[in-house]
PDB file of N, CA and C in Angstrom:
ATOM      1  N   MET A   1       0.593  -0.711   0.163  1.00  0.00           N
ATOM      2  CA  MET A   1       0.247  -0.128  -0.047  1.00  0.00           C
ATOM      3  C   MET A   1       0.880   1.160  -0.035  1.00  0.00           C
ATOM      4  N   HIS A   2       2.039   1.217   0.714  1.00  0.00           N
ATOM      5  CA  HIS A   2       2.877   2.506   1.117  1.00  0.00           C
ATOM      6  C   HIS A   2       3.403   2.343  -0.508  1.00  0.00           C
ATOM      7  N   GLY A   3       3.955   1.822  -1.329  1.00  0.00           N
ATOM      8  CA  GLY A   3       3.973   1.987  -2.698  1.00  0.00           C
ATOM      9  C   GLY A   3       3.505   2.137  -3.366  1.00  0.00           C
ATOM     10  N   ASP A   4       1.784   2.339  -3.424  1.00  0.00           N
ATOM     11  CA  ASP A   4       1.273   2.755  -4.524  1.00  0.00           C
ATOM     12  C   ASP A   4       0.889   4.250  -4.245  1.00  0.00           C
ATOM     13  N   ALA A   5       1.246   4.834  -2.647  1.00  0.00           N
ATOM     14  CA  ALA A   5       0.915   6.412  -2.661  1.00  0.00           C
ATOM     15  C   ALA A   5       2.248   7.167  -2.786  1.00  0.00           C
ATOM     16  N   SER A   6       3.475   6.396  -3.169  1.00  0.00           N
ATOM     17  CA  SER A   6       4.480   7.121  -3.301  1.00  0.00           C
ATOM     18  C   SER A   6       5.105   7.303  -4.781  1.00  0.00           C
ATOM     19  N   THR A   7       4.052   6.078  -5.488  1.00  0.00           N
ATOM     20  CA  THR A   7       4.043   5.771  -6.852  1.00  0.00           C
ATOM     21  C   THR A   7       3.049   7.403  -7.479  1.00  0.00           C
ATOM     22  N   GLY A   8       2.245   7.556  -6.462  1.00  0.00           N
ATOM     23  CA  GLY A   8       1.401   8.801  -7.111  1.00  0.00           C
ATOM     24  C   GLY A   8       1.822   9.874  -7.254  1.00  0.00           C
ATOM     25  N   VAL A   9       2.345   9.788  -5.919  1.00  0.00           N
ATOM     26  CA  VAL A   9       3.288  11.444  -5.802  1.00  0.00           C
ATOM     27  C   VAL A   9       3.958  11.537  -7.176  1.00  0.00           C
ATOM     28  N   GLU A  10       4.601  10.538  -6.946  1.00  0.00           N
ATOM     29  CA  GLU A  10       6.160  10.859  -7.932  1.00  0.00           C
ATOM     30  C   GLU A  10       5.212  11.062  -9.364  1.00  0.00           C
ATOM     31  N   GLU A  11       4.497  10.200  -9.759  1.00  0.00           N
ATOM     32  CA  GLU A  11       3.445  10.663 -11.364  1.00  0.00           C
ATOM     33  C   GLU A  11       3.264  11.975 -10.702  1.00  0.00           C
ATOM     34  N   ALA A  12       2.356  12.393  -9.958  1.00  0.00           N
ATOM     35  CA  ALA A  12       2.195  14.040 -10.218  1.00  0.00           C
ATOM     36  C   ALA A  12       3.087  14.901  -9.918  1.00  0.00           C
ATOM     37  N   ARG A  13       4.898  14.583  -9.529  1.00  0.00           N
ATOM     38  CA  ARG A  13       5.694  15.486  -9.572  1.00  0.00           C
ATOM     39  C   ARG A  13       6.049  15.340 -11.330  1.00  0.00           C
ATOM     40  N   ILE A  14       5.850  14.312 -11.520  1.00  0.00           N
ATOM     41  CA  ILE A  14       6.378  14.180 -13.218  1.00  0.00           C
ATOM     42  C   ILE A  14       5.247  14.857 -14.163  1.00  0.00           C
ATOM     43  N   ASN A  15       4.066  14.780 -13.686  1.00  0.00           N
ATOM     44  CA  ASN A  15       2.851  15.287 -14.837  1.00  0.00           C
ATOM     45  C   ASN A  15       3.327  17.058 -14.278  1.00  0.00           C
ATOM     46  N   ARG A  16       3.794  17.486 -13.359  1.00  0.00           N
ATOM     47  CA  ARG A  16       3.590  18.874 -12.648  1.00  0.00           C
ATOM     48  C   ARG A  16       4.749  19.787 -13.912  1.00  0.00           C
ATOM     49  N   ARG A  17       5.804  18.325 -13.957  1.00  0.00           N
ATOM     50  CA  ARG A  17       7.076  19.411 -14.661  1.00  0.00           C
ATOM     51  C   ARG A  17       6.652  19.103 -16.546  1.00  0.00           C
ATOM     52  N   SER A  18       6.303  18.107 -16.875  1.00  0.00           N
ATOM     53  CA  SER A  18       6.043  18.101 -18.240  1.00  0.00           C
ATOM     54  C   SER A  18       4.968  19.236 -18.362  1.00  0.00           C
ATOM     55  N   ALA A  19       4.120  19.697 -17.891  1.00  0.00           N
ATOM     56  CA  ALA A  19       3.247  20.547 -17.998  1.00  0.00           C
ATOM     57  C   ALA A  19       3.982  22.387 -18.088  1.00  0.00           C
ATOM     58  N   ALA A  20       5.069  22.220 -17.192  1.00  0.00           N
ATOM     59  CA  ALA A  20       5.653  23.352 -17.687  1.00  0.00           C
ATOM     60  C   ALA A  20       6.402  23.520 -18.863  1.00  0.00           C
ATOM     61  N   GLY A  21       6.946  21.970 -19.269  1.00  0.00           N
ATOM     62  CA  GLY A  21       7.583  22.275 -20.550  1.00  0.00           C
ATOM     63  C   GLY A  21       8.961  22.097 -20.436  1.00  0.00           C
ATOM     64  N   PRO A  22       9.658  21.521 -21.725  1.00  0.00           N
ATOM     65  CA  PRO A  22      10.595  21.246 -21.269  1.00  0.00           C
ATOM     66  C   PRO A  22      11.580  22.252 -21.900  1.00  0.00           C
ATOM     67  N   SER A  23      11.592  23.137 -22.426  1.00  0.00           N
ATOM     68  CA  SER A  23      11.516  24.384 -23.292  1.00  0.00           C
ATOM     69  C   SER A  23      12.041  25.386 -22.125  1.00  0.00           C
ATOM     70  N   ARG A  24      10.730  25.489 -21.116  1.00  0.00           N
ATOM     71  CA  ARG A  24      11.071  26.647 -20.309  1.00  0.00           C
ATOM     72  C   ARG A  24      12.043  26.543 -19.360  1.00  0.00           C
ATOM     73  N   GLY A  25      12.336  24.989 -18.804  1.00  0.00           N
ATOM     74  CA  GLY A  25      13.489  24.791 -18.031  1.00  0.00           C
ATOM     75  C   GLY A  25      14.716  25.013 -18.518  1.00  0.00           C
ATOM     76  N   ARG A  26      14.925  24.712 -19.787  1.00  0.00           N
ATOM     77  CA  ARG A  26      15.826  24.733 -20.839  1.00  0.00           C
ATOM     78  C   ARG A  26      16.464  26.233 -20.947  1.00  0.00           C
ATOM     79  N   ALA A  27      15.300  27.266 -21.328  1.00  0.00           N
ATOM     80  CA  ALA A  27      15.507  28.723 -21.449  1.00  0.00           C
ATOM     81  C   ALA A  27      16.020  29.322 -19.939  1.00  0.00           C
ATOM     82  N   ASN A  28      15.961  28.986 -19.002  1.00  0.00           N
ATOM     83  CA  ASN A  28      15.838  29.033 -17.424  1.00  0.00           C
ATOM     84  C   ASN A  28      17.338  28.771 -17.326  1.00  0.00           C
ATOM     85  N   ARG A  29      17.846  27.310 -17.861  1.00  0.00           N
ATOM     86  CA  ARG A  29      19.214  26.939 -17.515  1.00  0.00           C
ATOM     87  C   ARG A  29      20.412  28.037 -18.320  1.00  0.00           C
ATOM     88  N   ASP A  30      19.461  28.143 -19.453  1.00  0.00           N
ATOM     89  CA  ASP A  30      20.597  28.951 -20.207  1.00  0.00           C
ATOM     90  C   ASP A  30      20.918  30.337 -19.411  1.00  0.00           C
ATOM     91  N   ARG A  31      20.134  30.826 -19.014  1.00  0.00           N
ATOM     92  CA  ARG A  31      20.173  32.108 -18.691  1.00  0.00           C
ATOM     93  C   ARG A  31      20.914  32.372 -17.264  1.00  0.00           C
ATOM     94  N   LEU A  32      20.814  31.321 -16.659  1.00  0.00           N
ATOM     95  CA  LEU A  32      21.514  31.369 -15.532  1.00  0.00           C
ATOM     96  C   LEU A  32      23.143  30.975 -15.834  1.00  0.00           C
ATOM     97  N   LYS A  33      23.220  30.020 -17.168  1.00  0.00           N
ATOM     98  CA  LYS A  33      24.916  30.151 -17.501  1.00  0.00           C
ATOM     99  C   LYS A  33      25.391  31.404 -17.882  1.00  0.00           C
ATOM    100  N   ILE A  34      24.920  32.088 -18.734  1.00  0.00           N
ATOM    101  CA  ILE A  34      25.107  33.517 -18.979  1.00  0.00           C
ATOM    102  C   ILE A  34      25.546  34.029 -17.656  1.00  0.00           C
ATOM    103  N   LEU A  35      24.350  34.640 -16.685  1.00  0.00           N
ATOM    104  CA  LEU A  35      24.575  35.020 -15.494  1.00  0.00           C
ATOM    105  C   LEU A  35      25.641  34.826 -14.912  1.00  0.00           C
ATOM    106  N   VAL A  36      25.774  33.699 -14.761  1.00  0.00           N
ATOM    107  CA  VAL A  36      27.348  32.900 -13.798  1.00  0.00           C
ATOM    108  C   VAL A  36      28.195  33.084 -14.460  1.00  0.00           C
ATOM    109  N   LEU A  37      28.707  33.950 -15.857  1.00  0.00           N
ATOM    110  CA  LEU A  37      29.729  33.881 -16.641  1.00  0.00           C
ATOM    111  C   LEU A  37      30.184  35.277 -15.612  1.00  0.00           C
ATOM    112  N   PHE A  38      29.253  36.421 -15.036  1.00  0.00           N
ATOM    113  CA  PHE A  38      29.480  37.664 -14.651  1.00  0.00           C
ATOM    114  C   PHE A  38      30.095  37.658 -12.797  1.00  0.00           C
ATOM    115  N   ASN A  39      30.580  36.277 -12.436  1.00  0.00           N
ATOM    116  CA  ASN A  39      30.808  36.264 -11.388  1.00  0.00           C
ATOM    117  C   ASN A  39      32.019  35.704 -11.992  1.00  0.00           C
ATOM    118  N   PRO A  40      32.846  36.813 -10.808  1.00  0.00           N
ATOM    119  CA  PRO A  40      34.209  36.615 -10.317  1.00  0.00           C
ATOM    120  C   PRO A  40      35.025  35.130 -10.252  1.00  0.00           C
ATOM    121  N   LEU A  41      34.382  34.832  -9.082  1.00  0.00           N
ATOM    122  CA  LEU A  41      34.795  33.971  -8.026  1.00  0.00           C
ATOM    123  C   LEU A  41      34.898  32.359  -8.883  1.00  0.00           C
ATOM    124  N   VAL A  42      33.801  32.839 -10.625  1.00  0.00           N
ATOM    125  CA  VAL A  42      33.948  31.042 -11.108  1.00  0.00           C
ATOM    126  C   VAL A  42      35.452  31.320 -11.942  1.00  0.00           C
ATOM    127  N   TYR A  43      35.737  32.548 -12.220  1.00  0.00           N
ATOM    128  CA  TYR A  43      37.157  32.783 -12.640  1.00  0.00           C
ATOM    129  C   TYR A  43      38.375  32.186 -11.710  1.00  0.00           C
ATOM    130  N   MET A  44      38.142  32.624 -10.710  1.00  0.00           N
ATOM    131  CA  MET A  44      39.074  32.506  -9.555  1.00  0.00           C
ATOM    132  C   MET A  44      39.433  30.867  -9.400  1.00  0.00           C
ATOM    133  N   THR A  45      38.196  30.331  -8.982  1.00  0.00           N
ATOM    134  CA  THR A  45      38.056  28.816  -8.801  1.00  0.00           C
ATOM    135  C   THR A  45      38.019  28.072  -9.519  1.00  0.00           C
ATOM    136  N   GLU A  46      38.410  28.131 -11.070  1.00  0.00           N
ATOM    137  CA  GLU A  46      38.982  27.668 -12.591  1.00  0.00           C
ATOM    138  C   GLU A  46      40.186  27.635 -12.615  1.00  0.00           C
ATOM    139  N   ALA A  47      40.757  28.888 -11.805  1.00  0.00           N
ATOM    140  CA  ALA A  47      42.237  29.189 -12.387  1.00  0.00           C
ATOM    141  C   ALA A  47      42.640  27.759 -11.108  1.00  0.00           C
ATOM    142  N   LEU A  48      42.255  27.960 -10.006  1.00  0.00           N
ATOM    143  CA  LEU A  48      43.014  27.014  -9.027  1.00  0.00           C
ATOM    144  C   LEU A  48      42.745  26.325  -9.265  1.00  0.00           C
ATOM    145  N   ARG A  49      41.600  25.309  -9.808  1.00  0.00           N
ATOM    146  CA  ARG A  49      41.261  24.005 -10.059  1.00  0.00           C
ATOM    147  C   ARG A  49      42.150  23.507 -11.124  1.00  0.00           C
ATOM    148  N   THR A  50      42.785  24.572 -12.030  1.00  0.00           N
ATOM    149  CA  THR A  50      43.783  23.791 -12.747  1.00  0.00           C
ATOM    150  C   THR A  50      44.857  24.160 -12.366  1.00  0.00           C
ATOM    151  N   SER A  51      45.241  24.813 -11.550  1.00  0.00           N
ATOM    152  CA  SER A  51      46.585  24.378 -10.757  1.00  0.00           C
ATOM    153  C   SER A  51      46.893  22.964 -10.027  1.00  0.00           C
ATOM    154  N   ILE A  52      45.553  23.014  -9.376  1.00  0.00           N
ATOM    155  CA  ILE A  52      45.757  21.943  -8.388  1.00  0.00           C
ATOM    156  C   ILE A  52      45.912  20.452  -9.188  1.00  0.00           C
ATOM    157  N   THR A  53      45.083  20.268 -10.341  1.00  0.00           N
ATOM    158  CA  THR A  53      44.515  19.290 -10.532  1.00  0.00           C
ATOM    159  C   THR A  53      44.620  19.814 -12.320  1.00  0.00           C
ATOM    160  N   PRO A  54      45.964  19.561 -12.967  1.00  0.00           N
ATOM    161  CA  PRO A  54      46.303  19.779 -14.497  1.00  0.00           C
ATOM    162  C   PRO A  54      45.591  19.014 -15.253  1.00  0.00           C
ATOM    163  N   GLU A  55      45.813  17.543 -14.816  1.00  0.00           N
ATOM    164  CA  GLU A  55      45.282  16.630 -15.631  1.00  0.00           C
ATOM    165  C   GLU A  55      43.722  16.143 -16.122  1.00  0.00           C
ATOM    166  N   LEU A  56      43.210  17.115 -15.072  1.00  0.00           N
ATOM    167  CA  LEU A  56      41.467  17.291 -15.351  1.00  0.00           C
ATOM    168  C   LEU A  56      41.139  17.946 -16.349  1.00  0.00           C
ATOM    169  N   PRO A  57      40.072  17.914 -17.128  1.00  0.00           N
ATOM    170  CA  PRO A  57      39.844  19.072 -17.950  1.00  0.00           C
ATOM    171  C   PRO A  57      39.074  20.345 -17.356  1.00  0.00           C
ATOM    172  N   HIS A  58      39.622  21.669 -17.755  1.00  0.00           N
ATOM    173  CA  HIS A  58      39.056  22.380 -17.390  1.00  0.00           C
ATOM    174  C   HIS A  58      38.657  23.825 -17.929  1.00  0.00           C
ATOM    175  N   MET A  59      38.093  24.849 -17.572  1.00  0.00           N
ATOM    176  CA  MET A  59      37.888  25.960 -18.547  1.00  0.00           C
ATOM    177  C   MET A  59      39.318  26.512 -18.632  1.00  0.00           C
ATOM    178  N   ALA A  60      39.177  26.691 -19.942  1.00  0.00           N
ATOM    179  CA  ALA A  60      40.924  27.482 -20.498  1.00  0.00           C
ATOM    180  C   ALA A  60      41.277  28.451 -19.704  1.00  0.00           C
ATOM    181  N   ILE A  61      43.050  28.220 -19.196  1.00  0.00           N
ATOM    182  CA  ILE A  61      43.434  29.321 -18.223  1.00  0.00           C
ATOM    183  C   ILE A  61      43.375  30.533 -18.761  1.00  0.00           C
ATOM    184  N   TRP A  62      43.511  30.868 -19.893  1.00  0.00           N
ATOM    185  CA  TRP A  62      43.555  31.901 -20.662  1.00  0.00           C
ATOM    186  C   TRP A  62      42.160  32.833 -20.442  1.00  0.00           C
ATOM    187  N   ALA A  63      41.130  32.122 -20.287  1.00  0.00           N
ATOM    188  CA  ALA A  63      40.076  32.927 -20.420  1.00  0.00           C
ATOM    189  C   ALA A  63      39.905  33.292 -18.785  1.00  0.00           C
ATOM    190  N   SER A  64      40.112  32.248 -17.778  1.00  0.00           N
ATOM    191  CA  SER A  64      40.056  32.492 -16.070  1.00  0.00           C
ATOM    192  C   SER A  64      41.112  33.916 -16.440  1.00  0.00           C
ATOM    193  N   VAL A  65      42.100  34.256 -16.916  1.00  0.00           N
ATOM    194  CA  VAL A  65      43.249  35.134 -16.480  1.00  0.00           C
ATOM    195  C   VAL A  65      42.647  36.402 -17.490  1.00  0.00           C
ATOM    196  N   LEU A  66      41.858  36.058 -18.340  1.00  0.00           N
ATOM    197  CA  LEU A  66      41.563  37.380 -19.314  1.00  0.00           C
ATOM    198  C   LEU A  66      40.081  37.912 -18.596  1.00  0.00           C
ATOM    199  N   ALA A  67      39.430  36.930 -17.543  1.00  0.00           N
ATOM    200  CA  ALA A  67      38.517  37.706 -17.349  1.00  0.00           C
ATOM    201  C   ALA A  67      38.411  38.593 -15.740  1.00  0.00           C
ATOM    202  N   LEU A  68      39.446  37.993 -15.521  1.00  0.00           N
ATOM    203  CA  LEU A  68      39.850  38.133 -13.743  1.00  0.00           C
ATOM    204  C   LEU A  68      40.889  39.630 -14.190  1.00  0.00           C
ATOM    205  N   THR A  69      41.262  39.201 -15.319  1.00  0.00           N
ATOM    206  CA  THR A  69      42.376  40.783 -15.192  1.00  0.00           C
ATOM    207  C   THR A  69      41.685  42.159 -15.985  1.00  0.00           C
ATOM    208  N   GLY A  70      40.492  41.631 -17.054  1.00  0.00           N
ATOM    209  CA  GLY A  70      39.655  42.694 -17.459  1.00  0.00           C
ATOM    210  C   GLY A  70      38.815  43.279 -16.413  1.00  0.00           C
ATOM    211  N   GLY A  71      38.138  42.269 -15.523  1.00  0.00           N
ATOM    212  CA  GLY A  71      37.169  42.913 -14.313  1.00  0.00           C
ATOM    213  C   GLY A  71      37.932  43.343 -13.323  1.00  0.00           C
ATOM    214  N   SER A  72      39.188  43.454 -13.046  1.00  0.00           N
ATOM    215  CA  SER A  72      40.426  43.792 -12.207  1.00  0.00           C
ATOM    216  C   SER A  72      40.489  45.713 -12.538  1.00  0.00           C
ATOM    217  N   ILE A  73      40.512  45.495 -14.048  1.00  0.00           N
ATOM    218  CA  ILE A  73      40.757  46.617 -15.042  1.00  0.00           C
ATOM    219  C   ILE A  73      39.721  47.318 -14.752  1.00  0.00           C
ATOM    220  N   ALA A  74      38.346  46.944 -14.998  1.00  0.00           N
ATOM    221  CA  ALA A  74      37.009  47.729 -15.131  1.00  0.00           C
ATOM    222  C   ALA A  74      37.016  48.099 -14.013  1.00  0.00           C
ATOM    223  N   LEU A  75      37.011  47.460 -12.828  1.00  0.00           N
ATOM    224  CA  LEU A  75      36.465  47.341 -11.329  1.00  0.00           C
ATOM    225  C   LEU A  75      37.544  49.120 -10.799  1.00  0.00           C
ATOM    226  N   SER A  76      38.852  48.658 -11.438  1.00  0.00           N
ATOM    227  CA  SER A  76      39.953  49.952 -10.741  1.00  0.00           C
ATOM    228  C   SER A  76      39.229  51.159 -11.784  1.00  0.00           C
ATOM    229  N   LEU A  77      38.769  50.997 -12.735  1.00  0.00           N
ATOM    230  CA  LEU A  77      38.745  52.571 -13.290  1.00  0.00           C
ATOM    231  C   LEU A  77      37.505  53.288 -12.797  1.00  0.00           C
ATOM    232  N   VAL A  78      36.387  52.339 -12.314  1.00  0.00           N
ATOM    233  CA  VAL A  78      34.874  52.475 -11.972  1.00  0.00           C
ATOM    234  C   VAL A  78      35.487  53.317 -10.541  1.00  0.00           C
ATOM    235  N   SER A  79      36.432  52.736  -9.797  1.00  0.00           N
ATOM    236  CA  SER A  79      36.292  52.868  -8.664  1.00  0.00           C
ATOM    237  C   SER A  79      37.099  54.275  -8.661  1.00  0.00           C
ATOM    238  N   LEU A  80      38.300  54.544  -9.056  1.00  0.00           N
ATOM    239  CA  LEU A  80      38.891  55.640  -9.631  1.00  0.00           C
ATOM    240  C   LEU A  80      38.543  56.750 -10.104  1.00  0.00           C
ATOM    241  N   ARG A  81      37.407  56.726 -11.062  1.00  0.00           N
ATOM    242  CA  ARG A  81      36.840  57.542 -11.149  1.00  0.00           C
ATOM    243  C   ARG A  81      35.516  58.292  -9.957  1.00  0.00           C
ATOM    244  N   THR A  82      34.925  57.284  -9.167  1.00  0.00           N
ATOM    245  CA  THR A  82      33.959  57.260  -8.458  1.00  0.00           C
ATOM    246  C   THR A  82      35.035  58.080  -7.085  1.00  0.00           C
ATOM    247  N   PHE A  83      35.724  57.674  -6.978  1.00  0.00           N
ATOM    248  CA  PHE A  83      37.121  58.363  -5.809  1.00  0.00           C
ATOM    249  C   PHE A  83      37.348  60.131  -6.273  1.00  0.00           C
ATOM    250  N   ILE A  84      37.856  59.996  -7.869  1.00  0.00           N
ATOM    251  CA  ILE A  84      38.182  61.494  -8.179  1.00  0.00           C
ATOM    252  C   ILE A  84      36.762  62.148  -8.171  1.00  0.00           C
ATOM    253  N   ARG A  85      35.273  61.833  -8.414  1.00  0.00           N
ATOM    254  CA  ARG A  85      34.620  62.779  -8.353  1.00  0.00           C
ATOM    255  C   ARG A  85      34.313  62.925  -6.796  1.00  0.00           C
ATOM    256  N   ARG A  86      34.506  62.361  -6.210  1.00  0.00           N
ATOM    257  CA  ARG A  86      34.316  62.535  -4.785  1.00  0.00           C
ATOM    258  C   ARG A  86      34.862  63.429  -3.989  1.00  0.00           C
ATOM    259  N   VAL A  87      36.510  63.403  -4.405  1.00  0.00           N
ATOM    260  CA  VAL A  87      37.371  64.218  -3.799  1.00  0.00           C
ATOM    261  C   VAL A  87      37.279  65.314  -4.672  1.00  0.00           C
ATOM    262  N   VAL A  88      36.749  65.755  -5.392  1.00  0.00           N
ATOM    263  CA  VAL A  88      36.756  67.448  -6.717  1.00  0.00           C
ATOM    264  C   VAL A  88      35.305  67.699  -5.584  1.00  0.00           C
ATOM    265  N   ASN A  89      34.563  66.952  -5.511  1.00  0.00           N
ATOM    266  CA  ASN A  89      33.050  67.560  -4.996  1.00  0.00           C
ATOM    267  C   ASN A  89      33.719  67.863  -3.267  1.00  0.00           C
TER     268      ASN A  89
END
């Protein structure tokens, strides 16, 4: 009897998932993948993983270095502009 109740719950979960449609979940996942790329911790951890375990596949090290360098330069420029604006005013 207990097996029948849990089977019904599983079927309800499956039906809810299929009602939302597979493309909707895929679109959300794709959006999340793009948003994650703006997180600098992704590149720091990938660079660290590459240095610790070089025999495993990772994101290209040049991409990590480029993202960290570009992000540092962009943040420095924004910070410098804000600092100058506050000091002058």
